[in-house]
C-alpha cells in the first residue's frame, strides 16, 4: 500500500514538474512576445518572434510576424509613394520654370528693344509658341491631377463611334495639310454603336494625333478603325523616327519623355492621360515601334455596354 502511495506521489510530482516547466516556457515565450510587440510598437518592424514547434503560442507568433511583415510592406509602399510624389513635384517644377524663364527672356528682349524688325517678329512668334506649350502643359497637368485623384467624372452614352471619329479627324485635316503631312483615313461607313464618353474619346484621339505631329518627325499618318462583334481597334501610325525598344515600355508613364528626337516639346503627360482615359472605357492601349520606320498606337475598346 505504501509503495502504491509512493508511486502515486512520484507520478504526481513528475506531472507537476512537467506542468511547471511547460508553464515556465510559456511565460518565457509570452515575455519574448511582449518584448517584440513593444519593439514593433516603437517602430522596429524588422523584429520577429521565433515560434516554437508544437507550442501553445505558435499561432500567436505566426500572426504577430504576419502583422509585422504587412506593416513593413505598407511602410515601404508609403515611402515609395512619397518619393514618387517628390520626384513628380521636382519634375513639374522644372517643366514649368524652364519654359516660363525662356518665355520671359524673349518678352524682355522685345520690351527692352534689344531686337527689332524681323528679329522682333520672330521673338514674338517664339514667345507665343512657348506660351502655348506652357498652356498645354498646365491643361494636361490639371487633367492628370483629376484622373489621379479619382475626381474625373465620365458620362457614357451609346453612340456611333465611326461618326464620332470622322468628326474628330476632320478637324485635324487642315492641321495635317499645313504641316505637309500625307494622311490616310480608313473608317468603316456602317454604324458601330459603343458606349463612350465623347469628351474623353476626343481627348484620346487628339492626344495621339498631337503626339505624332509634334514628335514623330515623319510626314505620313494613317488613322484606321477595325471592328468585329467583340471589340473595335483604333490604329494610328506614322513613318517617323520611332521609339527604341528600351524606351517603348515606359512611354505611357507620367512625366516620361524619350531622350531621342521624339522628346522635343513634350511634357510627359499626354500619353499617360490617354492611357487612363482608355482604361476608363475598359480598353487597353499599346504601342509598337521600329527605329527610323515609325510608331503604331493601337487602342482596343470592347463593344459591350459600359456602366458606371
Protein backbone atom coordinates (compact mmCIF):
# COMPACT_ATOMS: atom_id res chain seq x y z
CA UNK A 1 0.00 0.00 0.00
CA UNK A 2 2.80 2.34 0.92
CA UNK A 3 4.58 1.51 -2.33
CA UNK A 4 1.47 2.49 -4.34
CA UNK A 5 1.22 5.73 -2.42
CA UNK A 6 4.89 6.42 -3.04
CA UNK A 7 4.50 5.75 -6.77
CA UNK A 8 1.47 7.99 -6.82
CA UNK A 9 3.41 10.79 -5.19
CA UNK A 10 6.29 10.37 -7.63
CA UNK A 11 3.84 10.39 -10.59
CA UNK A 12 2.04 13.45 -9.27
CA UNK A 13 5.32 15.19 -8.67
CA UNK A 14 6.53 14.33 -12.16
CA UNK A 15 3.34 15.66 -13.74
CA UNK A 16 3.52 18.79 -11.63
CA UNK A 17 7.14 19.31 -12.62
CA UNK A 18 6.29 18.90 -16.33
CA UNK A 19 3.43 21.37 -15.98
CA UNK A 20 5.66 23.82 -14.18
CA UNK A 21 8.34 23.51 -16.89
CA UNK A 22 5.72 23.96 -19.60
CA UNK A 23 4.27 26.95 -17.80
CA UNK A 24 7.78 28.39 -17.45
CA UNK A 25 8.43 28.01 -21.20
CA UNK A 26 5.07 29.61 -21.99
CA UNK A 27 5.84 32.52 -19.67
CA UNK A 28 9.24 32.93 -21.30
CA UNK A 29 7.62 32.91 -24.76
CA UNK A 30 4.96 35.39 -23.65
CA UNK A 31 7.71 37.62 -22.25
CA UNK A 32 9.53 37.43 -25.59
CA UNK A 33 6.29 38.15 -27.47
CA UNK A 34 5.67 41.17 -25.24
CA UNK A 35 9.21 42.41 -25.89
CA UNK A 36 8.79 42.02 -29.67
CA UNK A 37 5.42 43.78 -29.59
CA UNK A 38 6.98 46.71 -27.71
CA UNK A 39 9.70 46.94 -30.37
CA UNK A 40 7.14 46.81 -33.18
CA UNK A 41 5.06 49.45 -31.42
CA UNK A 42 8.18 51.63 -31.23
CA UNK A 43 8.61 51.34 -34.99
CA UNK A 44 11.05 48.44 -35.36
CA UNK A 45 9.15 46.42 -37.94
CA UNK A 46 12.13 44.12 -38.53
CA UNK A 47 11.52 42.24 -35.26
CA UNK A 48 10.08 38.73 -35.48
CA UNK A 49 9.04 36.12 -32.92
CA UNK A 50 10.69 32.71 -33.23
CA UNK A 51 7.81 30.23 -32.97
CA UNK A 52 8.46 27.05 -31.02
CA UNK A 53 7.30 23.86 -32.69
CA UNK A 54 4.08 22.45 -31.16
CA UNK A 55 3.95 25.33 -28.69
CA UNK A 56 0.65 26.82 -27.50
CA UNK A 57 1.84 30.27 -28.62
CA UNK A 58 2.89 29.10 -32.11
CA UNK A 59 -0.15 30.52 -33.94
CA UNK A 60 0.10 33.78 -31.99
CA UNK A 61 3.74 34.10 -33.10
CA UNK A 62 2.79 33.45 -36.74
CA UNK A 63 0.05 36.10 -36.54
CA UNK A 64 2.38 38.68 -34.98
CA UNK A 65 5.04 38.03 -37.63
CA UNK A 66 2.44 38.38 -40.38
CA UNK A 67 1.21 41.70 -38.95
CA UNK A 68 4.79 42.98 -38.75
CA UNK A 69 5.55 41.90 -42.33
CA UNK A 70 2.35 43.52 -43.66
CA UNK A 71 3.06 46.72 -41.75
CA UNK A 72 6.62 46.78 -43.06
CA UNK A 73 5.42 46.26 -46.65
CA UNK A 74 2.86 49.04 -46.23
CA UNK A 75 5.52 51.38 -44.85
CA UNK A 76 7.79 50.61 -47.82
CA UNK A 77 4.95 51.34 -50.25
CA UNK A 78 4.21 54.58 -48.42
CA UNK A 79 7.86 55.68 -48.61
CA UNK A 80 7.98 54.78 -52.30
CA UNK A 81 4.82 56.79 -52.91
CA UNK A 82 6.29 59.76 -51.04
CA UNK A 83 9.48 59.51 -53.08
CA UNK A 84 7.49 59.28 -56.30
CA UNK A 85 5.48 62.33 -55.25
CA UNK A 86 8.68 64.30 -54.52
CA UNK A 87 10.09 63.29 -57.91
CA UNK A 88 6.83 64.30 -59.55
CA UNK A 89 6.88 67.72 -57.89
CA UNK A 90 10.53 68.21 -58.86
CA UNK A 91 9.76 67.29 -62.45
CA UNK A 92 6.70 69.53 -62.57
CA UNK A 93 8.65 72.43 -61.11
CA UNK A 94 11.33 72.03 -63.76
CA UNK A 95 8.80 71.64 -66.57
CA UNK A 96 7.09 74.89 -65.56
CA UNK A 97 10.11 77.01 -64.64
CA UNK A 98 12.20 76.24 -67.74
CA UNK A 99 9.70 77.31 -70.44
CA UNK A 100 8.48 80.17 -68.25
CA UNK A 101 12.00 81.57 -67.83
CA UNK A 102 12.60 81.23 -71.56
CA UNK A 103 9.27 82.93 -72.33
CA UNK A 104 10.11 85.83 -70.02
CA UNK A 105 13.53 86.16 -71.65
CA UNK A 106 12.06 86.52 -75.14
CA UNK A 107 9.44 89.04 -73.97
CA UNK A 108 12.02 91.12 -72.08
CA UNK A 109 14.18 91.27 -75.19
CA UNK A 110 11.21 92.62 -77.15
CA UNK A 111 10.14 95.05 -74.43
CA UNK A 112 13.66 96.45 -73.89
CA UNK A 113 14.21 97.00 -77.59
CA UNK A 114 17.11 94.54 -77.80
CA UNK A 115 15.64 93.15 -81.03
CA UNK A 116 13.81 94.93 -83.84
CA UNK A 117 12.33 94.38 -87.27
CA UNK A 118 12.08 90.77 -88.46
CA UNK A 119 14.04 89.51 -85.46
CA UNK A 120 11.49 91.15 -83.16
CA UNK A 121 8.65 89.44 -85.01
CA UNK A 122 10.49 86.12 -84.71
CA UNK A 123 10.94 86.65 -80.95
CA UNK A 124 7.23 87.38 -80.55
CA UNK A 125 6.38 84.25 -82.56
CA UNK A 126 8.67 82.08 -80.43
CA UNK A 127 7.27 83.60 -77.22
CA UNK A 128 3.74 82.81 -78.44
CA UNK A 129 4.71 79.18 -79.14
CA UNK A 130 6.28 78.84 -75.69
CA UNK A 131 3.17 80.34 -74.08
CA UNK A 132 1.01 77.84 -75.98
CA UNK A 133 3.26 74.99 -74.85
CA UNK A 134 3.01 76.14 -71.23
CA UNK A 135 -0.79 76.44 -71.53
CA UNK A 136 -0.97 72.90 -72.95
CA UNK A 137 1.20 71.60 -70.11
CA UNK A 138 -0.99 73.21 -67.43
CA UNK A 139 -4.14 71.81 -69.06
CA UNK A 140 -2.60 68.33 -69.19
CA UNK A 141 -1.47 68.69 -65.59
CA UNK A 142 -4.98 69.57 -64.38
CA UNK A 143 -6.38 66.67 -66.39
CA UNK A 144 -3.87 64.26 -64.86
CA UNK A 145 -4.49 65.51 -61.29
CA UNK A 146 -8.24 64.92 -61.70
CA UNK A 147 -7.67 61.42 -63.06
CA UNK A 148 -5.09 60.51 -60.43
CA UNK A 149 -7.34 61.75 -57.61
CA UNK A 150 -10.38 59.93 -59.00
CA UNK A 151 -12.20 63.23 -59.44
CA UNK A 152 -12.75 62.90 -63.18
CA UNK A 153 -16.41 62.21 -63.92
CA UNK A 154 -17.44 60.41 -67.09
CA UNK A 155 -20.72 60.50 -68.96
CA UNK A 156 -21.07 57.40 -71.12
CA UNK A 157 -23.64 57.19 -73.86
CA UNK A 158 -24.19 54.76 -76.71
CA UNK A 159 -23.07 56.42 -79.96
CA UNK A 160 -21.90 55.56 -83.45
CA UNK A 161 -18.16 55.62 -82.80
CA UNK A 162 -17.40 55.76 -86.52
CA UNK A 163 -19.30 59.02 -86.90
CA UNK A 164 -17.68 60.46 -83.76
CA UNK A 165 -14.23 59.50 -85.09
CA UNK A 166 -14.90 61.05 -88.50
CA UNK A 167 -15.84 64.36 -86.88
CA UNK A 168 -12.69 64.39 -84.74
CA UNK A 169 -10.32 63.53 -87.58
CA UNK A 170 -11.99 66.03 -89.94
CA UNK A 171 -10.93 68.86 -87.63
CA UNK A 172 -7.31 67.72 -87.91
CA UNK A 173 -7.11 67.66 -91.72
CA UNK A 174 -6.26 71.39 -92.04
CA UNK A 175 -3.55 70.94 -89.40
CA UNK A 176 -2.09 67.92 -91.21
CA UNK A 177 -2.08 69.75 -94.53
CA UNK A 178 -0.46 72.84 -93.02
CA UNK A 179 2.32 70.62 -91.63
CA UNK A 180 2.75 68.90 -95.01
CA UNK A 181 1.59 65.54 -93.64
CA UNK A 182 0.27 62.93 -96.02
CA UNK A 183 -2.67 61.18 -94.44
CA UNK A 184 -4.82 58.10 -94.94
CA UNK A 185 -8.11 57.74 -93.08
CA UNK A 186 -9.90 54.39 -93.04
CA UNK A 187 -13.18 54.46 -91.10
CA UNK A 188 -15.99 52.00 -91.87
CA UNK A 189 -19.17 53.50 -93.28
CA UNK A 190 -21.52 51.25 -91.34
CA UNK A 191 -22.78 52.23 -87.91
CA UNK A 192 -20.94 50.81 -84.91
CA UNK A 193 -22.57 51.51 -81.56
CA UNK A 194 -20.43 51.62 -78.46
CA UNK A 195 -20.69 53.17 -75.00
CA UNK A 196 -18.32 56.14 -74.91
CA UNK A 197 -17.64 59.41 -73.11
CA UNK A 198 -17.39 61.85 -76.04
CA UNK A 199 -15.09 64.34 -74.29
CA UNK A 200 -12.73 61.62 -73.10
CA UNK A 201 -12.70 59.95 -76.53
CA UNK A 202 -11.94 63.31 -78.15
CA UNK A 203 -9.04 63.75 -75.75
CA UNK A 204 -7.69 60.27 -76.55
CA UNK A 205 -7.62 60.81 -80.30
CA UNK A 206 -6.43 64.42 -80.06
CA UNK A 207 -3.55 63.48 -77.74
CA UNK A 208 -2.35 60.74 -80.08
CA UNK A 209 -2.61 62.87 -83.21
CA UNK A 210 -0.83 65.74 -81.48
CA UNK A 211 1.88 63.36 -80.28
CA UNK A 212 2.52 62.12 -83.82
CA UNK A 213 2.54 65.59 -85.37
CA UNK A 214 4.78 67.09 -82.69
CA UNK A 215 7.25 64.28 -82.03
CA UNK A 216 7.40 61.70 -84.82
CA UNK A 217 9.48 63.71 -87.31
CA UNK A 218 7.56 61.90 -90.01
CA UNK A 219 5.39 63.13 -92.85
CA UNK A 220 2.79 60.36 -93.14
CA UNK A 221 -0.01 59.34 -90.81
CA UNK A 222 -2.65 56.64 -91.06
CA UNK A 223 -5.83 56.54 -88.97
CA UNK A 224 -7.71 53.26 -89.18
CA UNK A 225 -10.64 51.63 -87.38
CA UNK A 226 -11.17 47.85 -87.41
CA UNK A 227 -14.29 46.30 -85.89
CA UNK A 228 -15.81 42.92 -85.07
CA UNK A 229 -18.58 41.62 -82.83
CA UNK A 230 -16.47 41.83 -79.66
CA UNK A 231 -14.34 44.95 -79.99
CA UNK A 232 -13.07 47.80 -82.10
CA UNK A 233 -9.45 48.72 -82.75
CA UNK A 234 -8.29 52.26 -83.43
CA UNK A 235 -4.87 52.32 -85.07
CA UNK A 236 -2.74 55.42 -85.56
CA UNK A 237 0.63 55.02 -87.20
CA UNK A 238 3.36 57.26 -88.58
CA UNK A 239 6.55 56.90 -90.59
CA UNK A 240 8.74 58.87 -88.20
CA UNK A 241 11.89 58.28 -86.18
CA UNK A 242 10.35 55.59 -84.00
CA UNK A 243 10.99 54.73 -80.34
CA UNK A 244 13.70 52.40 -79.07
CA UNK A 245 12.85 49.03 -77.52
CA UNK A 246 14.26 50.24 -74.19
CA UNK A 247 12.03 53.32 -74.08
CA UNK A 248 8.84 51.83 -75.54
CA UNK A 249 7.57 50.12 -72.32
CA UNK A 250 7.73 53.46 -70.46
CA UNK A 251 6.04 55.91 -72.84
CA UNK A 252 2.68 55.74 -71.01
CA UNK A 253 4.25 56.57 -67.63
CA UNK A 254 3.58 60.07 -66.30
CA UNK A 255 6.32 62.62 -66.98
CA UNK A 256 8.32 60.12 -69.05
CA UNK A 257 10.00 61.66 -72.07
CA UNK A 258 12.05 59.84 -74.66
CA UNK A 259 15.57 61.17 -74.94
CA UNK A 260 15.72 60.89 -78.71
CA UNK A 261 14.12 63.04 -81.39
CA UNK A 262 10.59 62.29 -80.18
CA UNK A 263 11.06 64.19 -76.93
CA UNK A 264 11.10 67.65 -78.49
CA UNK A 265 8.38 69.79 -76.92
CA UNK A 266 6.63 67.12 -74.87
CA UNK A 267 5.66 67.27 -71.22
CA UNK A 268 5.36 63.56 -70.46
CA UNK A 269 1.66 63.75 -69.55
CA UNK A 270 -0.25 63.38 -72.82
CA UNK A 271 0.23 59.62 -73.27
CA UNK A 272 -0.21 58.95 -69.54
CA UNK A 273 -3.58 60.75 -69.65
CA UNK A 274 -4.51 58.87 -72.81
CA UNK A 275 -3.86 55.53 -71.13
CA UNK A 276 -6.03 56.47 -68.13
CA UNK A 277 -8.89 57.58 -70.39
CA UNK A 278 -8.68 54.38 -72.42
CA UNK A 279 -8.78 52.38 -69.18
CA UNK A 280 -11.91 54.30 -68.15
CA UNK A 281 -13.52 52.84 -71.29
CA UNK A 282 -12.47 49.34 -70.18
CA UNK A 283 -9.99 49.32 -73.04
CA UNK A 284 -6.25 48.95 -73.49
CA UNK A 285 -3.67 50.91 -75.46
CA UNK A 286 -0.38 49.54 -76.74
CA UNK A 287 2.41 50.82 -78.94
CA UNK A 288 4.68 49.21 -81.50
CA UNK A 289 7.71 50.94 -82.95
CA UNK A 290 10.73 50.39 -85.18
CA UNK A 291 13.53 52.93 -85.20
CA UNK A 292 13.67 55.03 -88.38
CA UNK A 293 10.48 53.36 -89.66
CA UNK A 294 7.70 54.61 -87.41
CA UNK A 295 5.38 54.03 -84.50
CA UNK A 296 1.92 52.48 -84.24
CA UNK A 297 -0.58 53.12 -81.44
CA UNK A 298 -3.34 50.52 -81.04
CA UNK A 299 -6.44 51.12 -78.90
CA UNK A 300 -8.81 48.23 -78.20
CA UNK A 301 -12.27 49.05 -76.87
CA UNK A 302 -14.92 46.42 -76.00
CA UNK A 303 -18.27 46.65 -77.73
CA UNK A 304 -20.25 45.68 -74.62
CA UNK A 305 -22.06 48.50 -72.88
CA UNK A 306 -20.12 50.24 -70.11
CA UNK A 307 -21.94 51.03 -66.90
CA UNK A 308 -20.53 53.43 -64.33
